[in-house]
Amino acid sequence: MDNKRFSHAIHVRFKEFGQTRTVTDTHEALDCLMYCWPADRGPRHRDALDACLKVIDGHRSAIDAEKAFKEAAREAGILEEHQPHR
């Protein structure tokens, strides 16, 4: 059984709530997608929501949800991507 944990934490910044949230598993991602997401939701949001629900139902892997959530966050402009030091 998939433990639903992501291989890497994903950091998202919700400006409306004034906070950065660290998402480490499918359940946290689903919570963000359903209750914290910006009002302007694009197609990647729908894909991520679908992927998370399918992971919870046992039909997809947590890796699928992790990738979909990260892409949705990038699309929404809330992904905190750290720049490498040069």
N, C-alpha and C. Protein backbone atom coordinates (compact mmCIF):
# COMPACT_ATOMS: atom_id res chain seq x y z
N MET A 1 0.83 -1.19 0.00
CA MET A 1 0.00 0.00 0.00
C MET A 1 0.87 1.25 0.00
N ASP A 2 0.53 2.22 -0.80
CA ASP A 2 1.27 3.47 -0.91
C ASP A 2 1.07 4.30 0.35
N ASN A 3 2.16 4.79 0.93
CA ASN A 3 2.02 5.58 2.15
C ASN A 3 1.60 7.02 1.88
N LYS A 4 1.48 7.40 0.63
CA LYS A 4 0.97 8.70 0.20
C LYS A 4 1.88 9.86 0.50
N ARG A 5 3.11 9.61 0.98
CA ARG A 5 4.07 10.69 1.26
C ARG A 5 4.79 11.07 -0.03
N PHE A 6 5.11 12.35 -0.14
CA PHE A 6 5.87 12.84 -1.29
C PHE A 6 7.36 12.56 -1.07
N SER A 7 8.09 12.43 -2.16
CA SER A 7 9.53 12.20 -2.05
C SER A 7 10.26 13.48 -1.62
N HIS A 8 9.68 14.65 -1.93
CA HIS A 8 10.25 15.95 -1.55
C HIS A 8 9.12 16.85 -1.07
N ALA A 9 9.41 17.65 -0.08
CA ALA A 9 8.43 18.63 0.39
C ALA A 9 8.26 19.71 -0.68
N ILE A 10 7.04 20.18 -0.81
CA ILE A 10 6.73 21.26 -1.74
C ILE A 10 6.26 22.45 -0.92
N HIS A 11 6.88 23.61 -1.17
CA HIS A 11 6.56 24.82 -0.42
C HIS A 11 5.70 25.73 -1.29
N VAL A 12 4.56 26.11 -0.76
CA VAL A 12 3.65 27.02 -1.47
C VAL A 12 3.34 28.22 -0.59
N ARG A 13 3.17 29.38 -1.22
CA ARG A 13 2.87 30.61 -0.49
C ARG A 13 1.47 31.07 -0.85
N PHE A 14 0.61 31.11 0.18
CA PHE A 14 -0.75 31.59 0.02
C PHE A 14 -0.82 33.04 0.48
N LYS A 15 -0.84 33.95 -0.47
CA LYS A 15 -0.83 35.38 -0.15
C LYS A 15 -2.06 35.79 0.64
N GLU A 16 -3.21 35.19 0.33
CA GLU A 16 -4.45 35.54 1.03
C GLU A 16 -4.36 35.27 2.53
N PHE A 17 -3.60 34.23 2.89
CA PHE A 17 -3.48 33.85 4.29
C PHE A 17 -2.17 34.34 4.91
N GLY A 18 -1.31 34.92 4.06
CA GLY A 18 -0.03 35.43 4.55
C GLY A 18 0.90 34.37 5.10
N GLN A 19 0.88 33.20 4.50
CA GLN A 19 1.71 32.12 5.02
C GLN A 19 2.29 31.27 3.91
N THR A 20 3.41 30.64 4.24
CA THR A 20 3.99 29.61 3.39
C THR A 20 3.68 28.28 4.04
N ARG A 21 3.27 27.33 3.23
CA ARG A 21 2.92 26.01 3.75
C ARG A 21 3.82 24.96 3.12
N THR A 22 4.27 24.03 3.92
CA THR A 22 5.08 22.92 3.45
C THR A 22 4.17 21.70 3.31
N VAL A 23 4.11 21.18 2.10
CA VAL A 23 3.23 20.05 1.79
C VAL A 23 4.10 18.81 1.60
N THR A 24 3.83 17.78 2.39
CA THR A 24 4.67 16.57 2.36
C THR A 24 3.94 15.30 1.97
N ASP A 25 2.61 15.38 1.82
CA ASP A 25 1.89 14.17 1.44
C ASP A 25 0.60 14.51 0.69
N THR A 26 -0.04 13.48 0.21
CA THR A 26 -1.24 13.63 -0.61
C THR A 26 -2.39 14.28 0.15
N HIS A 27 -2.54 13.94 1.41
CA HIS A 27 -3.65 14.52 2.19
C HIS A 27 -3.46 16.02 2.39
N GLU A 28 -2.22 16.47 2.67
CA GLU A 28 -1.96 17.90 2.80
C GLU A 28 -2.19 18.61 1.47
N ALA A 29 -1.77 17.99 0.38
CA ALA A 29 -1.97 18.58 -0.94
C ALA A 29 -3.45 18.73 -1.24
N LEU A 30 -4.22 17.72 -0.93
CA LEU A 30 -5.66 17.76 -1.16
C LEU A 30 -6.31 18.88 -0.34
N ASP A 31 -5.88 19.04 0.90
CA ASP A 31 -6.39 20.11 1.74
C ASP A 31 -6.11 21.48 1.12
N CYS A 32 -4.90 21.67 0.64
CA CYS A 32 -4.54 22.94 -0.02
C CYS A 32 -5.38 23.17 -1.27
N LEU A 33 -5.50 22.14 -2.08
CA LEU A 33 -6.24 22.27 -3.34
C LEU A 33 -7.72 22.60 -3.11
N MET A 34 -8.28 22.05 -2.06
CA MET A 34 -9.70 22.23 -1.81
C MET A 34 -10.03 23.50 -1.03
N TYR A 35 -9.18 23.87 -0.07
CA TYR A 35 -9.56 24.93 0.87
C TYR A 35 -8.70 26.19 0.84
N CYS A 36 -7.50 26.13 0.28
CA CYS A 36 -6.59 27.28 0.34
C CYS A 36 -6.25 27.86 -1.02
N TRP A 37 -6.58 27.17 -2.06
CA TRP A 37 -6.13 27.53 -3.40
C TRP A 37 -6.69 28.88 -3.85
N PRO A 38 -5.90 29.64 -4.61
CA PRO A 38 -6.42 30.90 -5.16
C PRO A 38 -7.67 30.66 -6.00
N ALA A 39 -8.53 31.67 -6.09
CA ALA A 39 -9.82 31.54 -6.78
C ALA A 39 -9.66 31.23 -8.26
N ASP A 40 -8.62 31.73 -8.89
CA ASP A 40 -8.40 31.50 -10.31
C ASP A 40 -7.73 30.13 -10.49
N ARG A 41 -8.55 29.11 -10.71
CA ARG A 41 -8.05 27.73 -10.79
C ARG A 41 -7.96 27.28 -12.24
N GLY A 42 -6.77 26.83 -12.62
CA GLY A 42 -6.54 26.40 -14.00
C GLY A 42 -6.64 24.89 -14.16
N PRO A 43 -6.32 24.42 -15.35
CA PRO A 43 -6.43 22.99 -15.64
C PRO A 43 -5.47 22.12 -14.82
N ARG A 44 -4.33 22.66 -14.42
CA ARG A 44 -3.39 21.88 -13.60
C ARG A 44 -3.96 21.65 -12.19
N HIS A 45 -4.77 22.59 -11.71
CA HIS A 45 -5.44 22.41 -10.41
C HIS A 45 -6.36 21.19 -10.48
N ARG A 46 -7.15 21.12 -11.53
CA ARG A 46 -8.07 19.98 -11.72
C ARG A 46 -7.29 18.67 -11.82
N ASP A 47 -6.18 18.69 -12.56
CA ASP A 47 -5.35 17.48 -12.70
C ASP A 47 -4.80 17.04 -11.34
N ALA A 48 -4.34 18.01 -10.54
CA ALA A 48 -3.77 17.69 -9.23
C ALA A 48 -4.84 17.15 -8.28
N LEU A 49 -5.99 17.76 -8.31
CA LEU A 49 -7.10 17.29 -7.47
C LEU A 49 -7.46 15.85 -7.82
N ASP A 50 -7.56 15.58 -9.11
CA ASP A 50 -7.87 14.23 -9.59
C ASP A 50 -6.78 13.24 -9.17
N ALA A 51 -5.51 13.63 -9.33
CA ALA A 51 -4.41 12.74 -8.97
C ALA A 51 -4.42 12.42 -7.47
N CYS A 52 -4.64 13.43 -6.63
CA CYS A 52 -4.67 13.20 -5.18
C CYS A 52 -5.80 12.27 -4.79
N LEU A 53 -6.96 12.49 -5.35
CA LEU A 53 -8.11 11.63 -5.03
C LEU A 53 -7.86 10.19 -5.46
N LYS A 54 -7.23 10.02 -6.62
CA LYS A 54 -6.94 8.66 -7.10
C LYS A 54 -5.86 7.98 -6.27
N VAL A 55 -4.91 8.74 -5.73
CA VAL A 55 -3.91 8.16 -4.83
C VAL A 55 -4.59 7.65 -3.57
N ILE A 56 -5.47 8.47 -3.01
CA ILE A 56 -6.18 8.08 -1.79
C ILE A 56 -7.03 6.84 -2.02
N ASP A 57 -7.60 6.72 -3.22
CA ASP A 57 -8.41 5.54 -3.57
C ASP A 57 -7.55 4.34 -3.95
N GLY A 58 -6.23 4.54 -4.07
CA GLY A 58 -5.32 3.45 -4.39
C GLY A 58 -5.14 3.18 -5.87
N HIS A 59 -5.51 4.12 -6.72
CA HIS A 59 -5.43 3.92 -8.17
C HIS A 59 -4.24 4.59 -8.84
N ARG A 60 -3.50 5.42 -8.09
CA ARG A 60 -2.30 6.07 -8.63
C ARG A 60 -1.25 6.13 -7.54
N SER A 61 -0.03 6.49 -7.92
CA SER A 61 1.05 6.57 -6.94
C SER A 61 1.18 8.00 -6.39
N ALA A 62 1.78 8.10 -5.23
CA ALA A 62 2.01 9.41 -4.61
C ALA A 62 2.92 10.27 -5.49
N ILE A 63 3.78 9.65 -6.27
CA ILE A 63 4.65 10.39 -7.18
C ILE A 63 3.81 11.16 -8.20
N ASP A 64 2.74 10.54 -8.69
CA ASP A 64 1.85 11.21 -9.63
C ASP A 64 1.22 12.44 -8.99
N ALA A 65 0.76 12.31 -7.76
CA ALA A 65 0.14 13.44 -7.05
C ALA A 65 1.17 14.53 -6.77
N GLU A 66 2.36 14.13 -6.40
CA GLU A 66 3.43 15.11 -6.12
C GLU A 66 3.73 15.95 -7.36
N LYS A 67 3.91 15.29 -8.49
CA LYS A 67 4.20 16.01 -9.73
C LYS A 67 3.03 16.91 -10.13
N ALA A 68 1.83 16.40 -10.03
CA ALA A 68 0.65 17.18 -10.41
C ALA A 68 0.46 18.38 -9.49
N PHE A 69 0.68 18.19 -8.19
CA PHE A 69 0.54 19.29 -7.24
C PHE A 69 1.57 20.38 -7.51
N LYS A 70 2.79 19.98 -7.77
CA LYS A 70 3.85 20.95 -8.06
C LYS A 70 3.53 21.75 -9.31
N GLU A 71 3.06 21.09 -10.35
CA GLU A 71 2.70 21.79 -11.59
C GLU A 71 1.51 22.73 -11.37
N ALA A 72 0.56 22.32 -10.56
CA ALA A 72 -0.59 23.19 -10.25
C ALA A 72 -0.13 24.42 -9.48
N ALA A 73 0.77 24.23 -8.54
CA ALA A 73 1.29 25.35 -7.76
C ALA A 73 2.08 26.31 -8.65
N ARG A 74 2.84 25.75 -9.57
CA ARG A 74 3.59 26.59 -10.51
C ARG A 74 2.62 27.38 -11.39
N GLU A 75 1.59 26.72 -11.90
CA GLU A 75 0.58 27.38 -12.74
C GLU A 75 -0.11 28.53 -11.98
N ALA A 76 -0.38 28.32 -10.69
CA ALA A 76 -1.08 29.32 -9.88
C ALA A 76 -0.15 30.44 -9.39
N GLY A 77 1.15 30.25 -9.59
CA GLY A 77 2.11 31.27 -9.16
C GLY A 77 2.34 31.27 -7.65
N ILE A 78 2.11 30.13 -7.00
CA ILE A 78 2.29 30.06 -5.55
C ILE A 78 3.43 29.12 -5.14
N LEU A 79 4.10 28.50 -6.11
CA LEU A 79 5.19 27.59 -5.80
C LEU A 79 6.41 28.38 -5.36
N GLU A 80 6.96 28.02 -4.22
CA GLU A 80 8.18 28.64 -3.72
C GLU A 80 9.36 27.83 -4.25
N GLU A 81 9.96 28.34 -5.31
CA GLU A 81 11.12 27.66 -5.89
C GLU A 81 12.36 28.38 -5.45
N HIS A 82 13.24 27.66 -4.80
CA HIS A 82 14.47 28.26 -4.29
C HIS A 82 15.52 28.27 -5.40
N GLN A 83 16.13 29.41 -5.58
CA GLN A 83 17.18 29.56 -6.59
C GLN A 83 18.49 29.01 -6.05
N PRO A 84 19.22 28.22 -6.85
CA PRO A 84 20.51 27.72 -6.38
C PRO A 84 21.51 28.87 -6.23
N HIS A 85 22.40 28.75 -5.26
CA HIS A 85 23.44 29.77 -5.06
C HIS A 85 24.49 29.63 -6.15
N ARG A 86 24.98 30.77 -6.61
CA ARG A 86 26.01 30.75 -7.66
C ARG A 86 27.31 31.20 -7.11
